[in-house]
N, C-alpha and C. Protein backbone atom coordinates (compact mmCIF):
# COMPACT_ATOMS: atom_id res chain seq x y z
N MET A 1 -60.17 32.25 -113.93
CA MET A 1 -61.41 31.63 -113.55
C MET A 1 -62.48 32.03 -114.54
N LYS A 2 -63.52 31.22 -114.58
CA LYS A 2 -64.59 31.43 -115.54
C LYS A 2 -65.87 30.80 -114.98
N LEU A 3 -67.01 31.32 -115.38
CA LEU A 3 -68.28 30.76 -114.95
C LEU A 3 -68.45 29.37 -115.55
N ASN A 4 -68.86 28.43 -114.72
CA ASN A 4 -69.11 27.06 -115.17
C ASN A 4 -70.21 27.06 -116.22
N LYS A 5 -70.03 26.30 -117.29
CA LYS A 5 -70.99 26.28 -118.40
C LYS A 5 -72.34 25.69 -118.02
N GLU A 6 -72.43 25.09 -116.85
CA GLU A 6 -73.69 24.50 -116.39
C GLU A 6 -74.60 25.53 -115.71
N PHE A 7 -74.21 26.81 -115.75
CA PHE A 7 -75.01 27.87 -115.16
C PHE A 7 -75.36 28.91 -116.22
N ILE A 8 -76.59 29.40 -116.16
CA ILE A 8 -77.10 30.37 -117.12
C ILE A 8 -77.40 31.68 -116.39
N ILE A 9 -77.01 32.79 -116.99
CA ILE A 9 -77.24 34.11 -116.42
C ILE A 9 -78.50 34.71 -117.05
N HIS A 10 -79.34 35.30 -116.19
CA HIS A 10 -80.52 36.03 -116.69
C HIS A 10 -80.56 37.38 -115.99
N ASN A 11 -80.42 38.44 -116.77
CA ASN A 11 -80.47 39.80 -116.23
C ASN A 11 -81.80 40.44 -116.58
N THR A 12 -82.42 41.09 -115.60
CA THR A 12 -83.67 41.81 -115.85
C THR A 12 -83.46 43.32 -115.86
N GLY A 13 -82.26 43.76 -115.59
CA GLY A 13 -81.95 45.18 -115.49
C GLY A 13 -81.53 45.52 -114.08
N ASP A 14 -82.45 45.42 -113.14
CA ASP A 14 -82.13 45.70 -111.74
C ASP A 14 -81.75 44.45 -110.96
N GLU A 15 -82.18 43.31 -111.45
CA GLU A 15 -81.89 42.04 -110.77
C GLU A 15 -81.18 41.10 -111.73
N CYS A 16 -80.43 40.19 -111.13
CA CYS A 16 -79.72 39.18 -111.90
C CYS A 16 -80.01 37.82 -111.28
N PHE A 17 -80.18 36.83 -112.13
CA PHE A 17 -80.42 35.48 -111.66
C PHE A 17 -79.39 34.55 -112.28
N LEU A 18 -78.90 33.62 -111.47
CA LEU A 18 -78.00 32.58 -111.95
C LEU A 18 -78.75 31.27 -111.80
N VAL A 19 -78.98 30.61 -112.92
CA VAL A 19 -79.82 29.42 -112.95
C VAL A 19 -78.96 28.22 -113.33
N PRO A 20 -78.98 27.16 -112.51
CA PRO A 20 -78.21 25.97 -112.86
C PRO A 20 -78.97 25.10 -113.86
N THR A 21 -78.23 24.42 -114.72
CA THR A 21 -78.85 23.44 -115.60
C THR A 21 -78.88 22.11 -114.87
N GLY A 22 -79.42 21.08 -115.49
CA GLY A 22 -79.54 19.77 -114.85
C GLY A 22 -78.22 19.16 -114.45
N GLY A 23 -77.14 19.50 -115.13
CA GLY A 23 -75.84 18.91 -114.83
C GLY A 23 -74.99 19.71 -113.86
N ALA A 24 -75.56 20.74 -113.25
CA ALA A 24 -74.77 21.64 -112.41
C ALA A 24 -74.39 21.06 -111.05
N GLY A 25 -75.17 20.15 -110.52
CA GLY A 25 -74.86 19.65 -109.18
C GLY A 25 -75.34 20.59 -108.09
N PHE A 26 -76.06 21.61 -108.44
CA PHE A 26 -76.64 22.56 -107.49
C PHE A 26 -78.07 22.78 -107.92
N SER A 27 -78.98 22.65 -106.97
CA SER A 27 -80.38 22.92 -107.30
C SER A 27 -80.82 24.12 -106.48
N GLY A 28 -81.20 25.13 -107.16
CA GLY A 28 -81.61 26.36 -106.52
C GLY A 28 -81.50 27.48 -107.51
N LEU A 29 -81.68 28.67 -107.02
CA LEU A 29 -81.63 29.86 -107.85
C LEU A 29 -80.85 30.91 -107.09
N VAL A 30 -79.92 31.56 -107.76
CA VAL A 30 -79.16 32.64 -107.13
C VAL A 30 -79.73 33.95 -107.66
N LYS A 31 -80.17 34.79 -106.74
CA LYS A 31 -80.75 36.08 -107.10
C LYS A 31 -79.87 37.18 -106.54
N GLY A 32 -79.57 38.17 -107.36
CA GLY A 32 -78.72 39.26 -106.90
C GLY A 32 -79.03 40.57 -107.59
N ASN A 33 -78.21 41.54 -107.30
CA ASN A 33 -78.40 42.89 -107.83
C ASN A 33 -77.53 43.12 -109.07
N ARG A 34 -77.42 44.37 -109.48
CA ARG A 34 -76.64 44.71 -110.68
C ARG A 34 -75.16 44.41 -110.51
N THR A 35 -74.67 44.48 -109.28
CA THR A 35 -73.26 44.15 -109.03
C THR A 35 -73.01 42.69 -109.36
N LEU A 36 -73.88 41.80 -108.88
CA LEU A 36 -73.74 40.38 -109.21
C LEU A 36 -73.80 40.19 -110.72
N GLY A 37 -74.73 40.87 -111.36
CA GLY A 37 -74.85 40.75 -112.81
C GLY A 37 -73.58 41.16 -113.53
N ALA A 38 -72.96 42.24 -113.07
CA ALA A 38 -71.72 42.71 -113.69
C ALA A 38 -70.60 41.71 -113.49
N VAL A 39 -70.49 41.15 -112.29
CA VAL A 39 -69.45 40.14 -112.03
C VAL A 39 -69.68 38.92 -112.90
N LEU A 40 -70.92 38.46 -112.99
CA LEU A 40 -71.21 37.27 -113.80
C LEU A 40 -70.91 37.51 -115.27
N GLU A 41 -71.21 38.69 -115.78
CA GLU A 41 -70.90 39.01 -117.17
C GLU A 41 -69.40 38.94 -117.43
N LEU A 42 -68.62 39.44 -116.47
CA LEU A 42 -67.15 39.38 -116.61
C LEU A 42 -66.65 37.94 -116.58
N LEU A 43 -67.36 37.09 -115.86
CA LEU A 43 -66.94 35.69 -115.72
C LEU A 43 -67.36 34.82 -116.91
N LYS A 44 -68.01 35.40 -117.90
CA LYS A 44 -68.33 34.64 -119.11
C LYS A 44 -67.06 34.25 -119.85
N THR A 45 -66.01 35.04 -119.68
CA THR A 45 -64.72 34.73 -120.28
C THR A 45 -63.69 34.58 -119.16
N GLU A 46 -62.61 33.95 -119.47
CA GLU A 46 -61.54 33.74 -118.48
C GLU A 46 -61.05 35.09 -117.96
N THR A 47 -61.03 35.23 -116.65
CA THR A 47 -60.62 36.49 -116.04
C THR A 47 -60.05 36.24 -114.65
N GLY A 48 -59.39 37.22 -114.11
CA GLY A 48 -58.82 37.11 -112.77
C GLY A 48 -59.57 38.00 -111.79
N GLU A 49 -59.40 37.74 -110.52
CA GLU A 49 -60.11 38.50 -109.49
C GLU A 49 -59.75 39.99 -109.54
N SER A 50 -58.48 40.30 -109.76
CA SER A 50 -58.08 41.72 -109.80
C SER A 50 -58.72 42.44 -110.98
N GLU A 51 -58.89 41.75 -112.09
CA GLU A 51 -59.54 42.35 -113.25
C GLU A 51 -61.02 42.62 -112.96
N VAL A 52 -61.67 41.68 -112.27
CA VAL A 52 -63.07 41.86 -111.90
C VAL A 52 -63.20 43.07 -110.97
N ILE A 53 -62.34 43.16 -109.98
CA ILE A 53 -62.37 44.30 -109.05
C ILE A 53 -62.18 45.61 -109.79
N ARG A 54 -61.23 45.66 -110.68
CA ARG A 54 -60.96 46.87 -111.46
C ARG A 54 -62.20 47.30 -112.28
N ASN A 55 -62.84 46.32 -112.89
CA ASN A 55 -64.04 46.62 -113.69
C ASN A 55 -65.21 47.08 -112.83
N ILE A 56 -65.38 46.46 -111.68
CA ILE A 56 -66.47 46.86 -110.77
C ILE A 56 -66.23 48.28 -110.25
N ARG A 57 -64.99 48.59 -109.93
CA ARG A 57 -64.67 49.96 -109.46
C ARG A 57 -65.01 50.99 -110.53
N ALA A 58 -64.67 50.70 -111.75
CA ALA A 58 -64.92 51.63 -112.84
C ALA A 58 -66.42 51.77 -113.13
N ARG A 59 -67.12 50.68 -113.09
CA ARG A 59 -68.54 50.71 -113.44
C ARG A 59 -69.40 51.35 -112.36
N PHE A 60 -69.09 51.08 -111.09
CA PHE A 60 -69.95 51.55 -110.00
C PHE A 60 -69.33 52.66 -109.17
N ASP A 61 -68.15 53.13 -109.52
CA ASP A 61 -67.50 54.23 -108.82
C ASP A 61 -67.47 54.00 -107.31
N VAL A 62 -66.85 52.88 -106.92
CA VAL A 62 -66.71 52.53 -105.50
C VAL A 62 -65.23 52.45 -105.16
N SER A 63 -64.95 52.45 -103.87
CA SER A 63 -63.56 52.37 -103.42
C SER A 63 -62.97 51.00 -103.69
N GLU A 64 -61.66 50.92 -103.65
CA GLU A 64 -60.94 49.66 -103.82
C GLU A 64 -61.40 48.64 -102.77
N ASP A 65 -61.49 49.09 -101.51
CA ASP A 65 -61.89 48.19 -100.42
C ASP A 65 -63.30 47.64 -100.61
N THR A 66 -64.23 48.51 -100.98
CA THR A 66 -65.61 48.08 -101.19
C THR A 66 -65.70 47.10 -102.35
N ALA A 67 -65.06 47.43 -103.45
CA ALA A 67 -65.09 46.54 -104.62
C ALA A 67 -64.46 45.19 -104.30
N ALA A 68 -63.32 45.20 -103.63
CA ALA A 68 -62.63 43.94 -103.29
C ALA A 68 -63.49 43.09 -102.37
N LYS A 69 -64.11 43.71 -101.38
CA LYS A 69 -64.96 42.96 -100.44
C LYS A 69 -66.16 42.36 -101.17
N ASP A 70 -66.83 43.16 -101.99
CA ASP A 70 -68.01 42.67 -102.71
C ASP A 70 -67.66 41.55 -103.68
N VAL A 71 -66.58 41.73 -104.42
CA VAL A 71 -66.17 40.71 -105.39
C VAL A 71 -65.77 39.43 -104.67
N LYS A 72 -65.05 39.54 -103.57
CA LYS A 72 -64.66 38.35 -102.80
C LYS A 72 -65.89 37.59 -102.32
N THR A 73 -66.89 38.31 -101.83
CA THR A 73 -68.13 37.67 -101.37
C THR A 73 -68.81 36.93 -102.51
N VAL A 74 -68.93 37.58 -103.65
CA VAL A 74 -69.57 36.93 -104.81
C VAL A 74 -68.79 35.69 -105.23
N LEU A 75 -67.48 35.81 -105.36
CA LEU A 75 -66.66 34.68 -105.82
C LEU A 75 -66.71 33.52 -104.81
N ASP A 76 -66.65 33.83 -103.52
CA ASP A 76 -66.73 32.78 -102.50
C ASP A 76 -68.06 32.04 -102.59
N ASN A 77 -69.15 32.77 -102.78
CA ASN A 77 -70.46 32.13 -102.89
C ASN A 77 -70.58 31.31 -104.17
N LEU A 78 -70.02 31.79 -105.26
CA LEU A 78 -70.04 31.02 -106.52
C LEU A 78 -69.22 29.75 -106.38
N ARG A 79 -68.12 29.82 -105.68
CA ARG A 79 -67.30 28.63 -105.44
C ARG A 79 -68.07 27.58 -104.64
N LYS A 80 -68.80 28.03 -103.64
CA LYS A 80 -69.57 27.12 -102.77
C LYS A 80 -70.58 26.29 -103.53
N ILE A 81 -71.15 26.87 -104.59
CA ILE A 81 -72.16 26.14 -105.35
C ILE A 81 -71.61 25.49 -106.61
N GLY A 82 -70.29 25.60 -106.81
CA GLY A 82 -69.66 24.97 -107.96
C GLY A 82 -69.86 25.71 -109.26
N ALA A 83 -70.08 27.02 -109.19
CA ALA A 83 -70.36 27.79 -110.39
C ALA A 83 -69.10 28.36 -111.06
N LEU A 84 -67.95 28.15 -110.45
CA LEU A 84 -66.71 28.66 -111.04
C LEU A 84 -65.80 27.51 -111.49
N ASP A 85 -65.23 27.68 -112.65
CA ASP A 85 -64.17 26.79 -113.13
C ASP A 85 -62.86 27.54 -112.92
N GLU A 86 -61.97 26.94 -112.12
CA GLU A 86 -60.69 27.62 -111.83
C GLU A 86 -59.53 26.75 -112.23
């Protein structure tokens, strides 16, 4: 899976924003924390869910369960707005 090219990532350090372009089919703004930013950065290139979980665990020193739950939530929400190419 990979982030749809119709979405642009903007990181401010503590916050992350996902902004759709005119062709995205979604109008709105997604605002999140550093975890969302890290997931979105990983999705700039083709990657799998298990790889994202592994990277989040290493970066934020969280348990497997916490990382898996958080990543699943992010991916489910990105799917809902059409931000993932799978």
